[in-house]
Structure formats: C-alpha cells, structure tokens
Full PDB file with SEQRES, HELIX, SHEET, SSBOND, CRYST1, ORIGX, SCALE, CONECT and MASTER records, all heavy atoms in Angstrom:
SEQRES   1 A   40  GLY LEU THR ASN SER LEU ALA GLY VAL VAL VAL PRO GLN          
SEQRES   2 A   40  ILE ALA PHE ALA LEU PRO LEU THR ILE ILE ILE LEU SER          
SEQRES   3 A   40  PRO PHE LEU ALA ALA ILE PRO ASN GLU LEU GLN GLU ALA          
SEQRES   4 A   40  ALA                                                          
HELIX    1 AA1 ALA A    7  ALA A   30  1                                  24    
HELIX    2 AA2 ASN A   34  ALA A   39  1                                   6    
CRYST1    1.000    1.000    1.000  90.00  90.00  90.00 P 1           1          
ORIGX1      1.000000  0.000000  0.000000        0.00000                         
ORIGX2      0.000000  1.000000  0.000000        0.00000                         
ORIGX3      0.000000  0.000000  1.000000        0.00000                         
SCALE1      1.000000  0.000000  0.000000        0.00000                         
SCALE2      0.000000  1.000000  0.000000        0.00000                         
SCALE3      0.000000  0.000000  1.000000        0.00000                         
ATOM      1  N   GLY A   1     -17.381  37.919  62.518  1.00  0.00           N  
ATOM      2  CA  GLY A   1     -18.696  37.752  63.111  1.00  0.00           C  
ATOM      3  C   GLY A   1     -19.176  36.322  63.185  1.00  0.00           C  
ATOM      4  O   GLY A   1     -20.381  36.055  63.148  1.00  0.00           O  
ATOM      5  N   LEU A   2     -18.241  35.370  63.315  1.00  0.00           N  
ATOM      6  CA  LEU A   2     -18.587  33.944  63.332  1.00  0.00           C  
ATOM      7  C   LEU A   2     -18.501  33.318  64.713  1.00  0.00           C  
ATOM      8  O   LEU A   2     -18.609  32.091  64.823  1.00  0.00           O  
ATOM      9  CB  LEU A   2     -17.666  33.178  62.368  1.00  0.00           C  
ATOM     10  CG  LEU A   2     -17.755  33.574  60.886  1.00  0.00           C  
ATOM     11  CD1 LEU A   2     -16.760  32.753  60.067  1.00  0.00           C  
ATOM     12  CD2 LEU A   2     -19.182  33.372  60.360  1.00  0.00           C  
ATOM     13  N   THR A   3     -18.287  34.127  65.761  1.00  0.00           N  
ATOM     14  CA  THR A   3     -18.249  33.566  67.089  1.00  0.00           C  
ATOM     15  C   THR A   3     -19.629  33.061  67.500  1.00  0.00           C  
ATOM     16  O   THR A   3     -20.651  33.548  67.011  1.00  0.00           O  
ATOM     17  CB  THR A   3     -17.756  34.617  68.113  1.00  0.00           C  
ATOM     18  OG1 THR A   3     -18.598  35.793  67.994  1.00  0.00           O  
ATOM     19  CG2 THR A   3     -16.319  34.984  67.860  1.00  0.00           C  
ATOM     20  N   ASN A   4     -19.647  32.058  68.394  1.00  0.00           N  
ATOM     21  CA  ASN A   4     -20.887  31.444  68.850  1.00  0.00           C  
ATOM     22  C   ASN A   4     -21.696  30.829  67.718  1.00  0.00           C  
ATOM     23  O   ASN A   4     -22.925  30.785  67.757  1.00  0.00           O  
ATOM     24  CB  ASN A   4     -21.769  32.437  69.613  1.00  0.00           C  
ATOM     25  CG  ASN A   4     -21.219  32.750  70.996  1.00  0.00           C  
ATOM     26  OD1 ASN A   4     -20.633  31.888  71.647  1.00  0.00           O  
ATOM     27  ND2 ASN A   4     -21.388  33.977  71.418  1.00  0.00           N  
ATOM     28  N   SER A   5     -21.006  30.358  66.685  1.00  0.00           N  
ATOM     29  CA  SER A   5     -21.663  29.660  65.586  1.00  0.00           C  
ATOM     30  C   SER A   5     -20.792  28.510  65.133  1.00  0.00           C  
ATOM     31  O   SER A   5     -19.566  28.556  65.247  1.00  0.00           O  
ATOM     32  CB  SER A   5     -21.911  30.638  64.407  1.00  0.00           C  
ATOM     33  OG  SER A   5     -20.692  31.039  63.825  1.00  0.00           O  
ATOM     34  N   LEU A   6     -21.430  27.477  64.599  1.00  0.00           N  
ATOM     35  CA  LEU A   6     -20.669  26.323  64.119  1.00  0.00           C  
ATOM     36  C   LEU A   6     -19.803  26.667  62.923  1.00  0.00           C  
ATOM     37  O   LEU A   6     -18.786  26.029  62.685  1.00  0.00           O  
ATOM     38  CB  LEU A   6     -21.629  25.178  63.765  1.00  0.00           C  
ATOM     39  CG  LEU A   6     -22.390  24.542  64.936  1.00  0.00           C  
ATOM     40  CD1 LEU A   6     -23.317  23.459  64.442  1.00  0.00           C  
ATOM     41  CD2 LEU A   6     -21.403  23.973  65.964  1.00  0.00           C  
ATOM     42  N   ALA A   7     -20.195  27.687  62.173  1.00  0.00           N  
ATOM     43  CA  ALA A   7     -19.366  28.115  61.044  1.00  0.00           C  
ATOM     44  C   ALA A   7     -18.012  28.607  61.511  1.00  0.00           C  
ATOM     45  O   ALA A   7     -16.986  28.398  60.829  1.00  0.00           O  
ATOM     46  CB  ALA A   7     -20.076  29.212  60.253  1.00  0.00           C  
ATOM     47  N   GLY A   8     -17.939  29.248  62.659  1.00  0.00           N  
ATOM     48  CA  GLY A   8     -16.684  29.703  63.199  1.00  0.00           C  
ATOM     49  C   GLY A   8     -15.786  28.560  63.618  1.00  0.00           C  
ATOM     50  O   GLY A   8     -14.562  28.748  63.769  1.00  0.00           O  
ATOM     51  N   VAL A   9     -16.340  27.383  63.806  1.00  0.00           N  
ATOM     52  CA  VAL A   9     -15.540  26.179  64.115  1.00  0.00           C  
ATOM     53  C   VAL A   9     -15.181  25.443  62.833  1.00  0.00           C  
ATOM     54  O   VAL A   9     -14.061  24.939  62.681  1.00  0.00           O  
ATOM     55  CB  VAL A   9     -16.312  25.261  65.083  1.00  0.00           C  
ATOM     56  CG1 VAL A   9     -15.552  23.963  65.321  1.00  0.00           C  
ATOM     57  CG2 VAL A   9     -16.576  25.974  66.391  1.00  0.00           C  
ATOM     58  N   VAL A  10     -16.130  25.362  61.909  1.00  0.00           N  
ATOM     59  CA  VAL A  10     -15.924  24.569  60.683  1.00  0.00           C  
ATOM     60  C   VAL A  10     -14.849  25.169  59.797  1.00  0.00           C  
ATOM     61  O   VAL A  10     -13.958  24.453  59.286  1.00  0.00           O  
ATOM     62  CB  VAL A  10     -17.257  24.409  59.922  1.00  0.00           C  
ATOM     63  CG1 VAL A  10     -17.024  23.783  58.565  1.00  0.00           C  
ATOM     64  CG2 VAL A  10     -18.244  23.587  60.746  1.00  0.00           C  
ATOM     65  N   VAL A  11     -14.913  26.487  59.570  1.00  0.00           N  
ATOM     66  CA  VAL A  11     -13.979  27.119  58.620  1.00  0.00           C  
ATOM     67  C   VAL A  11     -12.506  26.950  59.068  1.00  0.00           C  
ATOM     68  O   VAL A  11     -11.676  26.523  58.256  1.00  0.00           O  
ATOM     69  CB  VAL A  11     -14.341  28.593  58.450  1.00  0.00           C  
ATOM     70  CG1 VAL A  11     -13.284  29.297  57.603  1.00  0.00           C  
ATOM     71  CG2 VAL A  11     -15.710  28.734  57.784  1.00  0.00           C  
ATOM     72  N   PRO A  12     -12.148  27.219  60.320  1.00  0.00           N  
ATOM     73  CA  PRO A  12     -10.748  26.953  60.712  1.00  0.00           C  
ATOM     74  C   PRO A  12     -10.364  25.492  60.669  1.00  0.00           C  
ATOM     75  O   PRO A  12      -9.225  25.140  60.327  1.00  0.00           O  
ATOM     76  CB  PRO A  12     -10.692  27.498  62.158  1.00  0.00           C  
ATOM     77  CG  PRO A  12     -11.793  28.466  62.245  1.00  0.00           C  
ATOM     78  CD  PRO A  12     -12.878  27.910  61.389  1.00  0.00           C  
ATOM     79  N   GLN A  13     -11.292  24.591  60.976  1.00  0.00           N  
ATOM     80  CA  GLN A  13     -10.979  23.168  60.902  1.00  0.00           C  
ATOM     81  C   GLN A  13     -10.662  22.761  59.464  1.00  0.00           C  
ATOM     82  O   GLN A  13      -9.779  21.924  59.247  1.00  0.00           O  
ATOM     83  CB  GLN A  13     -12.159  22.349  61.446  1.00  0.00           C  
ATOM     84  CG  GLN A  13     -12.292  22.390  62.951  1.00  0.00           C  
ATOM     85  CD  GLN A  13     -13.424  21.529  63.486  1.00  0.00           C  
ATOM     86  OE1 GLN A  13     -13.469  21.185  64.664  1.00  0.00           O  
ATOM     87  NE2 GLN A  13     -14.365  21.199  62.630  1.00  0.00           N  
ATOM     88  N   ILE A  14     -11.374  23.318  58.523  1.00  0.00           N  
ATOM     89  CA  ILE A  14     -11.086  23.029  57.111  1.00  0.00           C  
ATOM     90  C   ILE A  14      -9.680  23.474  56.773  1.00  0.00           C  
ATOM     91  O   ILE A  14      -8.910  22.757  56.126  1.00  0.00           O  
ATOM     92  CB  ILE A  14     -12.128  23.697  56.208  1.00  0.00           C  
ATOM     93  CG1 ILE A  14     -13.509  23.094  56.453  1.00  0.00           C  
ATOM     94  CG2 ILE A  14     -11.741  23.551  54.748  1.00  0.00           C  
ATOM     95  CD1 ILE A  14     -14.629  23.835  55.746  1.00  0.00           C  
ATOM     96  N   ALA A  15      -9.328  24.692  57.173  1.00  0.00           N  
ATOM     97  CA  ALA A  15      -8.010  25.234  56.857  1.00  0.00           C  
ATOM     98  C   ALA A  15      -6.890  24.391  57.462  1.00  0.00           C  
ATOM     99  O   ALA A  15      -5.874  24.139  56.799  1.00  0.00           O  
ATOM    100  CB  ALA A  15      -7.924  26.677  57.340  1.00  0.00           C  
ATOM    101  N   PHE A  16      -7.069  23.947  58.686  1.00  0.00           N  
ATOM    102  CA  PHE A  16      -6.004  23.170  59.354  1.00  0.00           C  
ATOM    103  C   PHE A  16      -5.966  21.728  58.868  1.00  0.00           C  
ATOM    104  O   PHE A  16      -4.938  21.058  59.046  1.00  0.00           O  
ATOM    105  CB  PHE A  16      -6.204  23.207  60.861  1.00  0.00           C  
ATOM    106  CG  PHE A  16      -5.639  24.445  61.507  1.00  0.00           C  
ATOM    107  CD1 PHE A  16      -6.440  25.574  61.670  1.00  0.00           C  
ATOM    108  CD2 PHE A  16      -4.325  24.488  61.937  1.00  0.00           C  
ATOM    109  CE1 PHE A  16      -5.938  26.718  62.261  1.00  0.00           C  
ATOM    110  CE2 PHE A  16      -3.817  25.635  62.521  1.00  0.00           C  
ATOM    111  CZ  PHE A  16      -4.626  26.750  62.688  1.00  0.00           C  
ATOM    112  N   ALA A  17      -7.037  21.217  58.279  1.00  0.00           N  
ATOM    113  CA  ALA A  17      -7.047  19.851  57.773  1.00  0.00           C  
ATOM    114  C   ALA A  17      -6.541  19.746  56.337  1.00  0.00           C  
ATOM    115  O   ALA A  17      -6.147  18.642  55.901  1.00  0.00           O  
ATOM    116  CB  ALA A  17      -8.458  19.274  57.872  1.00  0.00           C  
ATOM    117  N   LEU A  18      -6.538  20.832  55.592  1.00  0.00           N  
ATOM    118  CA  LEU A  18      -6.151  20.773  54.192  1.00  0.00           C  
ATOM    119  C   LEU A  18      -4.687  20.362  53.968  1.00  0.00           C  
ATOM    120  O   LEU A  18      -4.417  19.593  53.031  1.00  0.00           O  
ATOM    121  CB  LEU A  18      -6.419  22.126  53.520  1.00  0.00           C  
ATOM    122  CG  LEU A  18      -7.850  22.358  53.060  1.00  0.00           C  
ATOM    123  CD1 LEU A  18      -8.005  23.757  52.466  1.00  0.00           C  
ATOM    124  CD2 LEU A  18      -8.246  21.316  52.011  1.00  0.00           C  
ATOM    125  N   PRO A  19      -3.694  20.843  54.729  1.00  0.00           N  
ATOM    126  CA  PRO A  19      -2.314  20.427  54.466  1.00  0.00           C  
ATOM    127  C   PRO A  19      -2.139  18.908  54.469  1.00  0.00           C  
ATOM    128  O   PRO A  19      -1.562  18.336  53.530  1.00  0.00           O  
ATOM    129  CB  PRO A  19      -1.522  21.095  55.575  1.00  0.00           C  
ATOM    130  CG  PRO A  19      -2.323  22.317  55.923  1.00  0.00           C  
ATOM    131  CD  PRO A  19      -3.745  21.892  55.789  1.00  0.00           C  
ATOM    132  N   LEU A  20      -2.591  18.237  55.521  1.00  0.00           N  
ATOM    133  CA  LEU A  20      -2.441  16.794  55.577  1.00  0.00           C  
ATOM    134  C   LEU A  20      -3.229  16.099  54.472  1.00  0.00           C  
ATOM    135  O   LEU A  20      -2.767  15.121  53.873  1.00  0.00           O  
ATOM    136  CB  LEU A  20      -2.899  16.273  56.937  1.00  0.00           C  
ATOM    137  CG  LEU A  20      -2.778  14.763  57.175  1.00  0.00           C  
ATOM    138  CD1 LEU A  20      -1.333  14.319  57.069  1.00  0.00           C  
ATOM    139  CD2 LEU A  20      -3.354  14.382  58.525  1.00  0.00           C  
ATOM    140  N   THR A  21      -4.399  16.624  54.153  1.00  0.00           N  
ATOM    141  CA  THR A  21      -5.214  16.058  53.093  1.00  0.00           C  
ATOM    142  C   THR A  21      -4.496  16.122  51.746  1.00  0.00           C  
ATOM    143  O   THR A  21      -4.454  15.126  51.010  1.00  0.00           O  
ATOM    144  CB  THR A  21      -6.556  16.809  53.006  1.00  0.00           C  
ATOM    145  OG1 THR A  21      -7.238  16.696  54.249  1.00  0.00           O  
ATOM    146  CG2 THR A  21      -7.427  16.233  51.906  1.00  0.00           C  
ATOM    147  N   ILE A  22      -3.905  17.255  51.431  1.00  0.00           N  
ATOM    148  CA  ILE A  22      -3.214  17.405  50.153  1.00  0.00           C  
ATOM    149  C   ILE A  22      -1.975  16.522  50.102  1.00  0.00           C  
ATOM    150  O   ILE A  22      -1.646  15.941  49.062  1.00  0.00           O  
ATOM    151  CB  ILE A  22      -2.858  18.882  49.932  1.00  0.00           C  
ATOM    152  CG1 ILE A  22      -4.154  19.682  49.710  1.00  0.00           C  
ATOM    153  CG2 ILE A  22      -1.923  19.071  48.752  1.00  0.00           C  
ATOM    154  CD1 ILE A  22      -3.955  21.166  49.656  1.00  0.00           C  
ATOM    155  N   ILE A  23      -1.261  16.398  51.222  1.00  0.00           N  
ATOM    156  CA  ILE A  23      -0.055  15.576  51.231  1.00  0.00           C  
ATOM    157  C   ILE A  23      -0.418  14.095  51.038  1.00  0.00           C  
ATOM    158  O   ILE A  23       0.350  13.348  50.384  1.00  0.00           O  
ATOM    159  CB  ILE A  23       0.697  15.788  52.562  1.00  0.00           C  
ATOM    160  CG1 ILE A  23       1.310  17.189  52.598  1.00  0.00           C  
ATOM    161  CG2 ILE A  23       1.761  14.728  52.768  1.00  0.00           C  
ATOM    162  CD1 ILE A  23       1.940  17.553  53.912  1.00  0.00           C  
ATOM    163  N   ILE A  24      -1.531  13.652  51.538  1.00  0.00           N  
ATOM    164  CA  ILE A  24      -1.936  12.263  51.353  1.00  0.00           C  
ATOM    165  C   ILE A  24      -2.474  12.020  49.954  1.00  0.00           C  
ATOM    166  O   ILE A  24      -2.184  10.977  49.337  1.00  0.00           O  
ATOM    167  CB  ILE A  24      -3.009  11.875  52.402  1.00  0.00           C  
ATOM    168  CG1 ILE A  24      -2.389  11.870  53.810  1.00  0.00           C  
ATOM    169  CG2 ILE A  24      -3.597  10.499  52.099  1.00  0.00           C  
ATOM    170  CD1 ILE A  24      -3.384  11.592  54.920  1.00  0.00           C  
ATOM    171  N   LEU A  25      -3.225  12.968  49.403  1.00  0.00           N  
ATOM    172  CA  LEU A  25      -3.856  12.770  48.101  1.00  0.00           C  
ATOM    173  C   LEU A  25      -2.886  12.920  46.937  1.00  0.00           C  
ATOM    174  O   LEU A  25      -3.031  12.244  45.911  1.00  0.00           O  
ATOM    175  CB  LEU A  25      -5.021  13.744  47.933  1.00  0.00           C  
ATOM    176  CG  LEU A  25      -6.257  13.515  48.786  1.00  0.00           C  
ATOM    177  CD1 LEU A  25      -7.284  14.614  48.556  1.00  0.00           C  
ATOM    178  CD2 LEU A  25      -6.875  12.163  48.477  1.00  0.00           C  
ATOM    179  N   SER A  26      -1.911  13.803  47.084  1.00  0.00           N  
ATOM    180  CA  SER A  26      -1.017  14.102  45.931  1.00  0.00           C  
ATOM    181  C   SER A  26      -0.307  12.871  45.405  1.00  0.00           C  
ATOM    182  O   SER A  26      -0.275  12.662  44.176  1.00  0.00           O  
ATOM    183  CB  SER A  26      -0.018  15.183  46.332  1.00  0.00           C  
ATOM    184  OG  SER A  26      -0.668  16.411  46.549  1.00  0.00           O  
ATOM    185  N   PRO A  27       0.303  12.017  46.226  1.00  0.00           N  
ATOM    186  CA  PRO A  27       0.955  10.820  45.660  1.00  0.00           C  
ATOM    187  C   PRO A  27       0.000   9.885  44.932  1.00  0.00           C  
ATOM    188  O   PRO A  27       0.360   9.289  43.926  1.00  0.00           O  
ATOM    189  CB  PRO A  27       1.565  10.144  46.892  1.00  0.00           C  
ATOM    190  CG  PRO A  27       1.699  11.213  47.908  1.00  0.00           C  
ATOM    191  CD  PRO A  27       0.547  12.131  47.676  1.00  0.00           C  
ATOM    192  N   PHE A  28      -1.239   9.763  45.440  1.00  0.00           N  
ATOM    193  CA  PHE A  28      -2.218   8.934  44.748  1.00  0.00           C  
ATOM    194  C   PHE A  28      -2.488   9.461  43.350  1.00  0.00           C  
ATOM    195  O   PHE A  28      -2.504   8.706  42.370  1.00  0.00           O  
ATOM    196  CB  PHE A  28      -3.531   8.916  45.554  1.00  0.00           C  
ATOM    197  CG  PHE A  28      -3.682   7.715  46.433  1.00  0.00           C  
ATOM    198  CD1 PHE A  28      -3.207   7.723  47.734  1.00  0.00           C  
ATOM    199  CD2 PHE A  28      -4.273   6.562  45.984  1.00  0.00           C  
ATOM    200  CE1 PHE A  28      -3.341   6.624  48.563  1.00  0.00           C  
ATOM    201  CE2 PHE A  28      -4.432   5.447  46.780  1.00  0.00           C  
ATOM    202  CZ  PHE A  28      -3.955   5.483  48.082  1.00  0.00           C  
ATOM    203  N   LEU A  29      -2.718  10.763  43.262  1.00  0.00           N  
ATOM    204  CA  LEU A  29      -3.100  11.334  41.966  1.00  0.00           C  
ATOM    205  C   LEU A  29      -1.904  11.367  41.020  1.00  0.00           C  
ATOM    206  O   LEU A  29      -2.068  11.233  39.815  1.00  0.00           O  
ATOM    207  CB  LEU A  29      -3.643  12.746  42.184  1.00  0.00           C  
ATOM    208  CG  LEU A  29      -4.864  12.811  43.118  1.00  0.00           C  
ATOM    209  CD1 LEU A  29      -5.375  14.240  43.224  1.00  0.00           C  
ATOM    210  CD2 LEU A  29      -5.981  11.892  42.657  1.00  0.00           C  
ATOM    211  N   ALA A  30      -0.707  11.582  41.570  1.00  0.00           N  
ATOM    212  CA  ALA A  30       0.487  11.618  40.714  1.00  0.00           C  
ATOM    213  C   ALA A  30       0.827  10.234  40.165  1.00  0.00           C  
ATOM    214  O   ALA A  30       1.461  10.122  39.108  1.00  0.00           O  
ATOM    215  CB  ALA A  30       1.668  12.180  41.500  1.00  0.00           C  
ATOM    216  N   ALA A  31       0.393   9.170  40.879  1.00  0.00           N  
ATOM    217  CA  ALA A  31       0.714   7.819  40.434  1.00  0.00           C  
ATOM    218  C   ALA A  31      -0.195   7.327  39.295  1.00  0.00           C  
ATOM    219  O   ALA A  31       0.069   6.263  38.713  1.00  0.00           O  
ATOM    220  CB  ALA A  31       0.618   6.858  41.612  1.00  0.00           C  
ATOM    221  N   ILE A  32      -1.263   8.067  38.982  1.00  0.00           N  
ATOM    222  CA  ILE A  32      -2.126   7.651  37.869  1.00  0.00           C  
ATOM    223  C   ILE A  32      -1.357   7.804  36.567  1.00  0.00           C  
ATOM    224  O   ILE A  32      -0.808   8.887  36.269  1.00  0.00           O  
ATOM    225  CB  ILE A  32      -3.400   8.520  37.848  1.00  0.00           C  
ATOM    226  CG1 ILE A  32      -4.190   8.299  39.140  1.00  0.00           C  
ATOM    227  CG2 ILE A  32      -4.260   8.202  36.637  1.00  0.00           C  
ATOM    228  CD1 ILE A  32      -5.422   9.178  39.257  1.00  0.00           C  
ATOM    229  N   PRO A  33      -1.262   6.803  35.749  1.00  0.00           N  
ATOM    230  CA  PRO A  33      -0.441   6.870  34.521  1.00  0.00           C  
ATOM    231  C   PRO A  33      -0.925   7.944  33.561  1.00  0.00           C  
ATOM    232  O   PRO A  33      -2.144   8.151  33.373  1.00  0.00           O  
ATOM    233  CB  PRO A  33      -0.600   5.468  33.915  1.00  0.00           C  
ATOM    234  CG  PRO A  33      -1.055   4.588  35.022  1.00  0.00           C  
ATOM    235  CD  PRO A  33      -1.875   5.457  35.943  1.00  0.00           C  
ATOM    236  N   ASN A  34       0.028   8.641  32.975  1.00  0.00           N  
ATOM    237  CA  ASN A  34      -0.337   9.644  31.968  1.00  0.00           C  
ATOM    238  C   ASN A  34      -0.964   9.016  30.730  1.00  0.00           C  
ATOM    239  O   ASN A  34      -1.758   9.645  30.042  1.00  0.00           O  
ATOM    240  CB  ASN A  34       0.916  10.438  31.575  1.00  0.00           C  
ATOM    241  CG  ASN A  34       1.432  11.303  32.708  1.00  0.00           C  
ATOM    242  OD1 ASN A  34       0.649  11.804  33.511  1.00  0.00           O  
ATOM    243  ND2 ASN A  34       2.747  11.456  32.794  1.00  0.00           N  
ATOM    244  N   GLU A  35      -0.590   7.754  30.462  1.00  0.00           N  
ATOM    245  CA  GLU A  35      -1.175   7.059  29.309  1.00  0.00           C  
ATOM    246  C   GLU A  35      -2.685   6.914  29.462  1.00  0.00           C  
ATOM    247  O   GLU A  35      -3.423   6.953  28.470  1.00  0.00           O  
ATOM    248  CB  GLU A  35      -0.529   5.678  29.145  1.00  0.00           C  
ATOM    249  CG  GLU A  35       0.930   5.706  28.733  1.00  0.00           C  
ATOM    250  CD  GLU A  35       1.853   6.000  29.883  1.00  0.00           C  
ATOM    251  OE1 GLU A  35       1.359   6.088  31.048  1.00  0.00           O  
ATOM    252  OE2 GLU A  35       3.066   6.161  29.651  1.00  0.00           O  
ATOM    253  N   LEU A  36      -3.147   6.763  30.698  1.00  0.00           N  
ATOM    254  CA  LEU A  36      -4.584   6.655  30.934  1.00  0.00           C  
ATOM    255  C   LEU A  36      -5.282   7.960  30.592  1.00  0.00           C  
ATOM    256  O   LEU A  36      -6.375   7.961  29.985  1.00  0.00           O  
ATOM    257  CB  LEU A  36      -4.829   6.273  32.394  1.00  0.00           C  
ATOM    258  CG  LEU A  36      -6.264   5.962  32.784  1.00  0.00           C  
ATOM    259  CD1 LEU A  36      -6.780   4.765  32.009  1.00  0.00           C  
ATOM    260  CD2 LEU A  36      -6.363   5.706  34.285  1.00  0.00           C  
ATOM    261  N   GLN A  37      -4.667   9.077  30.950  1.00  0.00           N  
ATOM    262  CA  GLN A  37      -5.244  10.368  30.601  1.00  0.00           C  
ATOM    263  C   GLN A  37      -5.220  10.614  29.094  1.00  0.00           C  
ATOM    264  O   GLN A  37      -6.166  11.169  28.524  1.00  0.00           O  
ATOM    265  CB  GLN A  37      -4.496  11.478  31.323  1.00  0.00           C  
ATOM    266  CG  GLN A  37      -5.134  12.860  31.168  1.00  0.00           C  
ATOM    267  CD  GLN A  37      -4.482  13.890  32.059  1.00  0.00           C  
ATOM    268  OE1 GLN A  37      -3.559  13.577  32.834  1.00  0.00           O  
ATOM    269  NE2 GLN A  37      -4.950  15.129  31.988  1.00  0.00           N  
ATOM    270  N   GLU A  38      -4.156  10.187  28.442  1.00  0.00           N  
ATOM    271  CA  GLU A  38      -4.074  10.334  26.987  1.00  0.00           C  
ATOM    272  C   GLU A  38      -5.132   9.500  26.289  1.00  0.00           C  
ATOM    273  O   GLU A  38      -5.785   9.946  25.333  1.00  0.00           O  
ATOM    274  CB  GLU A  38      -2.680   9.944  26.502  1.00  0.00           C  
ATOM    275  CG  GLU A  38      -1.590  10.878  27.007  1.00  0.00           C  
ATOM    276  CD  GLU A  38      -0.196  10.365  26.659  1.00  0.00           C  
ATOM    277  OE1 GLU A  38      -0.125   9.274  26.035  1.00  0.00           O  
ATOM    278  OE2 GLU A  38       0.802  11.041  26.985  1.00  0.00           O  
ATOM    279  N   ALA A  39      -5.334   8.274  26.787  1.00  0.00           N  
ATOM    280  CA  ALA A  39      -6.382   7.420  26.208  1.00  0.00           C  
ATOM    281  C   ALA A  39      -7.748   8.025  26.420  1.00  0.00           C  
ATOM    282  O   ALA A  39      -8.626   7.961  25.543  1.00  0.00           O  
ATOM    283  CB  ALA A  39      -6.289   6.021  26.813  1.00  0.00           C  
ATOM    284  N   ALA A  40      -7.975   8.598  27.578  1.00  0.00           N  
ATOM    285  CA  ALA A  40      -9.261   9.238  27.865  1.00  0.00           C  
ATOM    286  C   ALA A  40      -9.495  10.446  26.952  1.00  0.00           C  
ATOM    287  O   ALA A  40     -10.615  10.682  26.475  1.00  0.00           O  
ATOM    288  CB  ALA A  40      -9.329   9.639  29.333  1.00  0.00           C  
TER     289      ALA A  40                                                      
MASTER        0    0    0    2    0    0    0    6  288    1    0    4          
END                                                                             
C-alpha cells in the first residue's frame, strides 16, 4: 500500500543502496586497531 507515496520510493532506495554502503564502510571499520578497543 505504498504506491503514490514517497515512502514507496524511499524504502526500495534504502535496500538498493545498502550493499555498496556496507562494502565501503566495512574496510574502514575493520582497519580500526583492536588495541584501541581494548584500551577503551
């Protein structure tokens, strides 16, 4: 029931944008040293 509404556009756009977002963010987050987390 989301036709003719911006929600019907936003939700699929989020789903299709997540793969590239996760692929870009994962190396950044994995590169954070574990020693920093242990110190925290």
